């Protein structure tokens, strides 16, 4: 650990990754609820930041409430909340081929863009690839051909796995993205972690500077490097151990984190 307990206690806000830190599947991570309750009792700001490409903030907030964790909708951020805005800012109002779930398609439409069906992939100016539970060879072909022909390639995240309870997992968004990248010969623009926009939005909603807040996450690539890039304190949650020296602090349990914050 390269940060003292006194420095940790001085932080005014904490941002938590959801999958693997607050919950695994539909089960709370042991001790997570207690840490979150302690932070709120101490008067610190708490936000949640997930790379989930199949859910909006309201859905994640409802799940937190269902599991007994207090949260407001504005406290929860996903890449889908900024997807439409990022596309519009970089490429203007676009014709989008969306490879993902209905939530991804809704986020594209909310941004003022038009959806392009798979069989008309040649009309797409932007291809957005999320975690697609209906991914098929046809959809891989459409996405990769559109990108190879010049369409912009965008994804919420590159996370290879989605952790579940009992140590199990589902292939993540990154697994689908890598198939499209290999076939198209292009690399995507990443909207979610570890890129700065979601971190900066979370800080803005908490009304805190980066040096006043910490990110608690289980992914070195997405959470820890992303937090450090924007100047936040990075706390690695690594029950099985982790890379020494990457994060400012590493904890093996939420109980350990709670002790550091008391």
Protein backbone atom coordinates (compact mmCIF):
# COMPACT_ATOMS: atom_id res chain seq x y z
CA UNK A 1 0.00 0.00 0.00
CA UNK A 2 1.44 3.39 -0.99
CA UNK A 3 -1.28 5.48 0.69
CA UNK A 4 -1.76 5.97 4.42
CA UNK A 5 -5.00 5.33 6.27
CA UNK A 6 -5.06 9.02 7.15
CA UNK A 7 -4.96 9.95 3.45
CA UNK A 8 -7.72 7.46 2.67
CA UNK A 9 -9.90 8.88 5.43
CA UNK A 10 -9.44 12.37 3.98
CA UNK A 11 -11.04 11.44 0.67
CA UNK A 12 -14.49 12.94 0.20
CA UNK A 13 -15.95 10.57 -2.39
CA UNK A 14 -15.77 6.94 -3.54
CA UNK A 15 -16.77 5.48 -6.89
CA UNK A 16 -17.42 1.73 -6.96
CA UNK A 17 -17.39 -0.66 -9.89
CA UNK A 18 -20.48 -2.87 -9.75
CA UNK A 19 -19.76 -6.26 -11.37
CA UNK A 20 -17.25 -8.08 -9.19
CA UNK A 21 -17.02 -5.38 -6.50
CA UNK A 22 -20.54 -4.69 -5.27
CA UNK A 23 -22.14 -7.82 -6.67
CA UNK A 24 -21.38 -10.99 -8.58
CA UNK A 25 -24.44 -11.96 -10.59
CA UNK A 26 -27.35 -11.48 -8.19
CA UNK A 27 -25.39 -11.82 -4.95
CA UNK A 28 -23.79 -8.97 -3.01
CA UNK A 29 -20.04 -9.21 -2.49
CA UNK A 30 -19.51 -10.00 1.23
CA UNK A 31 -18.99 -6.79 3.17
CA UNK A 32 -19.89 -4.44 0.29
CA UNK A 33 -23.14 -3.23 1.86
CA UNK A 34 -21.33 -2.51 5.13
CA UNK A 35 -18.59 -0.46 3.43
CA UNK A 36 -21.16 1.58 1.50
CA UNK A 37 -23.23 2.19 4.61
CA UNK A 38 -20.12 3.32 6.52
CA UNK A 39 -19.18 5.81 3.81
CA UNK A 40 -22.66 7.32 3.83
CA UNK A 41 -22.62 7.50 7.64
CA UNK A 42 -19.33 9.38 7.39
CA UNK A 43 -20.92 11.90 5.04
CA UNK A 44 -18.88 10.93 2.00
CA UNK A 45 -20.23 10.90 -1.53
CA UNK A 46 -20.77 7.50 -3.19
CA UNK A 47 -21.25 6.75 -6.87
CA UNK A 48 -21.29 3.62 -8.99
CA UNK A 49 -19.60 3.19 -12.35
CA UNK A 50 -20.09 0.14 -14.54
CA UNK A 51 -18.98 -0.81 -18.03
CA UNK A 52 -22.15 -2.85 -18.54
CA UNK A 53 -23.24 -2.45 -22.16
CA UNK A 54 -26.70 -3.96 -21.64
CA UNK A 55 -28.14 -1.73 -18.92
CA UNK A 56 -29.09 1.88 -18.27
CA UNK A 57 -28.60 3.70 -14.99
CA UNK A 58 -32.18 3.14 -13.84
CA UNK A 59 -31.84 -0.63 -14.28
CA UNK A 60 -28.61 -0.76 -12.26
CA UNK A 61 -30.09 1.49 -9.56
CA UNK A 62 -33.12 -0.79 -9.27
CA UNK A 63 -30.84 -3.80 -8.84
CA UNK A 64 -28.89 -2.04 -6.10
CA UNK A 65 -32.13 -1.24 -4.27
CA UNK A 66 -33.33 -4.82 -4.70
CA UNK A 67 -30.11 -6.05 -3.08
CA UNK A 68 -30.52 -3.63 -0.20
CA UNK A 69 -28.04 -0.92 -1.27
CA UNK A 70 -29.15 2.71 -1.12
CA UNK A 71 -28.61 4.62 -4.38
CA UNK A 72 -30.21 7.30 -6.52
CA UNK A 73 -30.44 6.94 -10.31
CA UNK A 74 -28.03 9.84 -10.79
CA UNK A 75 -25.46 8.03 -8.62
CA UNK A 76 -25.15 5.19 -11.17
CA UNK A 77 -23.39 5.62 -14.51
CA UNK A 78 -23.06 3.28 -17.49
CA UNK A 79 -21.49 3.91 -20.93
CA UNK A 80 -24.97 3.90 -22.47
CA UNK A 81 -25.73 7.22 -20.75
CA UNK A 82 -23.16 9.02 -22.91
CA UNK A 83 -23.13 6.80 -26.01
CA UNK A 84 -25.42 8.90 -28.18
CA UNK A 85 -23.69 12.13 -27.18
CA UNK A 86 -20.21 10.77 -27.96
CA UNK A 87 -21.32 9.58 -31.41
CA UNK A 88 -22.94 12.94 -32.17
CA UNK A 89 -19.91 14.89 -30.99
CA UNK A 90 -17.41 12.89 -33.03
CA UNK A 91 -19.38 11.95 -36.15
CA UNK A 92 -22.59 13.97 -36.08
CA UNK A 93 -26.08 12.48 -36.27
CA UNK A 94 -25.37 9.05 -37.69
CA UNK A 95 -26.79 5.89 -39.21
CA UNK A 96 -25.81 3.25 -36.65
CA UNK A 97 -25.54 -0.52 -36.87
CA UNK A 98 -25.96 -1.63 -33.24
CA UNK A 99 -24.65 -5.08 -32.33
CA UNK A 100 -25.95 -5.62 -28.81
CA UNK A 101 -29.10 -5.69 -26.72
CA UNK A 102 -32.24 -3.54 -26.85
CA UNK A 103 -30.77 -1.18 -24.24
CA UNK A 104 -27.90 -0.39 -26.61
CA UNK A 105 -30.33 0.31 -29.44
CA UNK A 106 -32.43 2.56 -27.19
CA UNK A 107 -29.35 4.56 -26.21
CA UNK A 108 -28.53 5.11 -29.89
CA UNK A 109 -32.07 6.31 -30.62
CA UNK A 110 -32.08 8.55 -27.54
CA UNK A 111 -29.04 10.30 -29.01
CA UNK A 112 -31.02 11.24 -32.11
CA UNK A 113 -29.42 8.68 -34.41
CA UNK A 114 -31.00 6.19 -36.83
CA UNK A 115 -30.66 2.42 -36.49
CA UNK A 116 -29.55 0.43 -39.53
CA UNK A 117 -30.76 -3.20 -39.76
CA UNK A 118 -28.19 -5.98 -40.14
CA UNK A 119 -29.21 -6.76 -43.74
CA UNK A 120 -28.51 -3.11 -44.71
CA UNK A 121 -25.13 -2.83 -42.99
CA UNK A 122 -23.68 -1.00 -45.99
CA UNK A 123 -25.69 2.09 -45.02
CA UNK A 124 -24.07 2.38 -41.57
CA UNK A 125 -21.73 5.27 -40.84
CA UNK A 126 -21.09 4.05 -37.29
CA UNK A 127 -21.01 0.51 -35.86
CA UNK A 128 -21.53 0.13 -32.10
CA UNK A 129 -20.64 -3.27 -30.65
CA UNK A 130 -21.80 -4.25 -27.16
CA UNK A 131 -22.28 -7.56 -25.37
CA UNK A 132 -24.61 -9.30 -27.80
CA UNK A 133 -26.33 -12.40 -26.42
CA UNK A 134 -27.68 -13.09 -29.93
CA UNK A 135 -24.27 -12.70 -31.61
CA UNK A 136 -24.06 -14.73 -34.80
CA UNK A 137 -21.91 -15.20 -37.87
CA UNK A 138 -24.36 -13.01 -39.79
CA UNK A 139 -23.99 -10.17 -37.28
CA UNK A 140 -20.20 -10.58 -37.21
CA UNK A 141 -20.12 -10.38 -41.00
CA UNK A 142 -22.33 -7.28 -41.12
CA UNK A 143 -20.37 -5.40 -38.46
CA UNK A 144 -16.93 -6.24 -39.80
CA UNK A 145 -17.86 -5.46 -43.43
CA UNK A 146 -19.37 -2.09 -42.47
CA UNK A 147 -16.26 -1.13 -40.50
CA UNK A 148 -13.89 -2.34 -43.22
CA UNK A 149 -15.82 -0.15 -45.66
CA UNK A 150 -15.19 2.94 -43.52
CA UNK A 151 -17.82 3.05 -40.76
CA UNK A 152 -16.59 4.24 -37.36
CA UNK A 153 -16.14 1.43 -34.80
CA UNK A 154 -17.36 2.16 -31.25
CA UNK A 155 -17.77 0.05 -28.12
CA UNK A 156 -18.80 0.68 -24.51
CA UNK A 157 -15.90 -1.43 -23.20
CA UNK A 158 -13.27 -4.09 -23.82
CA UNK A 159 -13.93 -6.20 -20.72
CA UNK A 160 -13.46 -9.87 -21.73
CA UNK A 161 -15.62 -11.38 -18.98
CA UNK A 162 -18.72 -10.61 -16.95
CA UNK A 163 -18.28 -12.15 -13.46
CA UNK A 164 -21.09 -14.23 -11.95
CA UNK A 165 -21.69 -15.77 -8.56
CA UNK A 166 -19.69 -18.85 -7.60
CA UNK A 167 -16.65 -17.78 -9.61
CA UNK A 168 -18.40 -18.36 -12.93
CA UNK A 169 -18.58 -15.86 -15.79
CA UNK A 170 -20.15 -14.95 -19.10
CA UNK A 171 -18.13 -13.79 -22.11
CA UNK A 172 -18.05 -10.01 -21.90
CA UNK A 173 -18.41 -7.21 -24.40
CA UNK A 174 -14.69 -7.35 -25.15
CA UNK A 175 -14.97 -10.94 -26.39
CA UNK A 176 -17.50 -9.89 -29.04
CA UNK A 177 -15.53 -6.73 -29.89
CA UNK A 178 -12.31 -8.67 -30.49
CA UNK A 179 -14.06 -10.93 -33.01
CA UNK A 180 -15.27 -7.89 -34.93
CA UNK A 181 -11.86 -6.21 -34.65
CA UNK A 182 -10.09 -9.30 -36.00
CA UNK A 183 -12.42 -9.60 -38.97
CA UNK A 184 -12.56 -5.88 -39.81
CA UNK A 185 -8.89 -5.11 -39.25
CA UNK A 186 -9.78 -2.05 -37.12
CA UNK A 187 -9.64 -1.08 -33.45
CA UNK A 188 -12.62 0.56 -31.71
CA UNK A 189 -13.12 3.86 -29.96
CA UNK A 190 -13.87 2.93 -26.32
CA UNK A 191 -16.50 5.01 -24.52
CA UNK A 192 -16.45 3.38 -21.06
CA UNK A 193 -13.64 2.65 -18.64
CA UNK A 194 -10.65 3.10 -18.80
CA UNK A 195 -11.30 6.19 -20.92
CA UNK A 196 -11.84 9.46 -18.99
CA UNK A 197 -15.46 10.51 -19.83
CA UNK A 198 -17.33 8.28 -17.34
CA UNK A 199 -14.85 9.01 -14.54
CA UNK A 200 -15.14 12.73 -15.21
CA UNK A 201 -18.94 12.55 -15.27
CA UNK A 202 -18.97 10.72 -11.92
CA UNK A 203 -16.69 13.36 -10.40
CA UNK A 204 -18.89 16.12 -11.76
CA UNK A 205 -22.03 14.61 -10.27
CA UNK A 206 -20.31 14.30 -6.88
CA UNK A 207 -19.00 17.88 -7.26
CA UNK A 208 -15.48 16.71 -6.41
CA UNK A 209 -12.03 17.11 -7.89
CA UNK A 210 -10.18 13.96 -8.94
CA UNK A 211 -7.73 14.22 -6.04
CA UNK A 212 -10.65 14.20 -3.59
CA UNK A 213 -12.05 10.85 -4.75
CA UNK A 214 -11.16 7.18 -5.10
CA UNK A 215 -12.18 4.47 -7.54
CA UNK A 216 -12.73 0.98 -6.11
CA UNK A 217 -12.56 -1.69 -8.79
CA UNK A 218 -11.46 -5.23 -9.57
CA UNK A 219 -10.04 -4.62 -13.05
CA UNK A 220 -6.51 -3.28 -13.32
CA UNK A 221 -7.02 -2.32 -16.96
CA UNK A 222 -10.47 -0.73 -16.71
CA UNK A 223 -10.76 0.58 -13.15
CA UNK A 224 -7.27 1.13 -11.83
CA UNK A 225 -5.48 2.51 -14.88
CA UNK A 226 -8.55 4.56 -15.78
CA UNK A 227 -8.72 6.11 -12.30
CA UNK A 228 -5.03 6.92 -12.26
CA UNK A 229 -5.28 8.48 -15.71
CA UNK A 230 -7.72 11.12 -14.44
CA UNK A 231 -5.90 11.64 -11.13
CA UNK A 232 -8.14 9.67 -8.75
CA UNK A 233 -6.92 7.39 -5.99
CA UNK A 234 -7.08 3.80 -7.26
CA UNK A 235 -8.14 1.00 -4.88
CA UNK A 236 -7.84 -2.51 -6.31
CA UNK A 237 -10.28 -5.09 -4.94
CA UNK A 238 -8.41 -8.36 -5.47
CA UNK A 239 -9.60 -11.32 -3.35
CA UNK A 240 -6.98 -13.55 -5.00
CA UNK A 241 -4.21 -10.95 -4.93
CA UNK A 242 -3.20 -8.55 -7.66
CA UNK A 243 -0.41 -6.69 -9.39
CA UNK A 244 1.70 -4.97 -6.74
CA UNK A 245 2.38 -1.29 -7.38
CA UNK A 246 -0.37 -0.71 -9.94
CA UNK A 247 -2.98 0.63 -7.52
CA UNK A 248 -2.46 3.09 -4.68
CA UNK A 249 -4.11 0.55 -2.37
CA UNK A 250 -4.96 -3.15 -2.73
CA UNK A 251 -7.51 -4.93 -0.53
CA UNK A 252 -8.44 -8.60 -0.52
CA UNK A 253 -11.86 -8.13 1.06
CA UNK A 254 -14.45 -5.43 1.66
CA UNK A 255 -13.96 -6.01 5.38
CA UNK A 256 -10.32 -4.97 4.95
CA UNK A 257 -11.41 -1.82 3.11
CA UNK A 258 -13.89 -1.01 5.86
CA UNK A 259 -11.15 -1.26 8.50
CA UNK A 260 -8.98 1.15 6.53
CA UNK A 261 -11.80 3.68 6.36
CA UNK A 262 -12.87 3.56 10.00
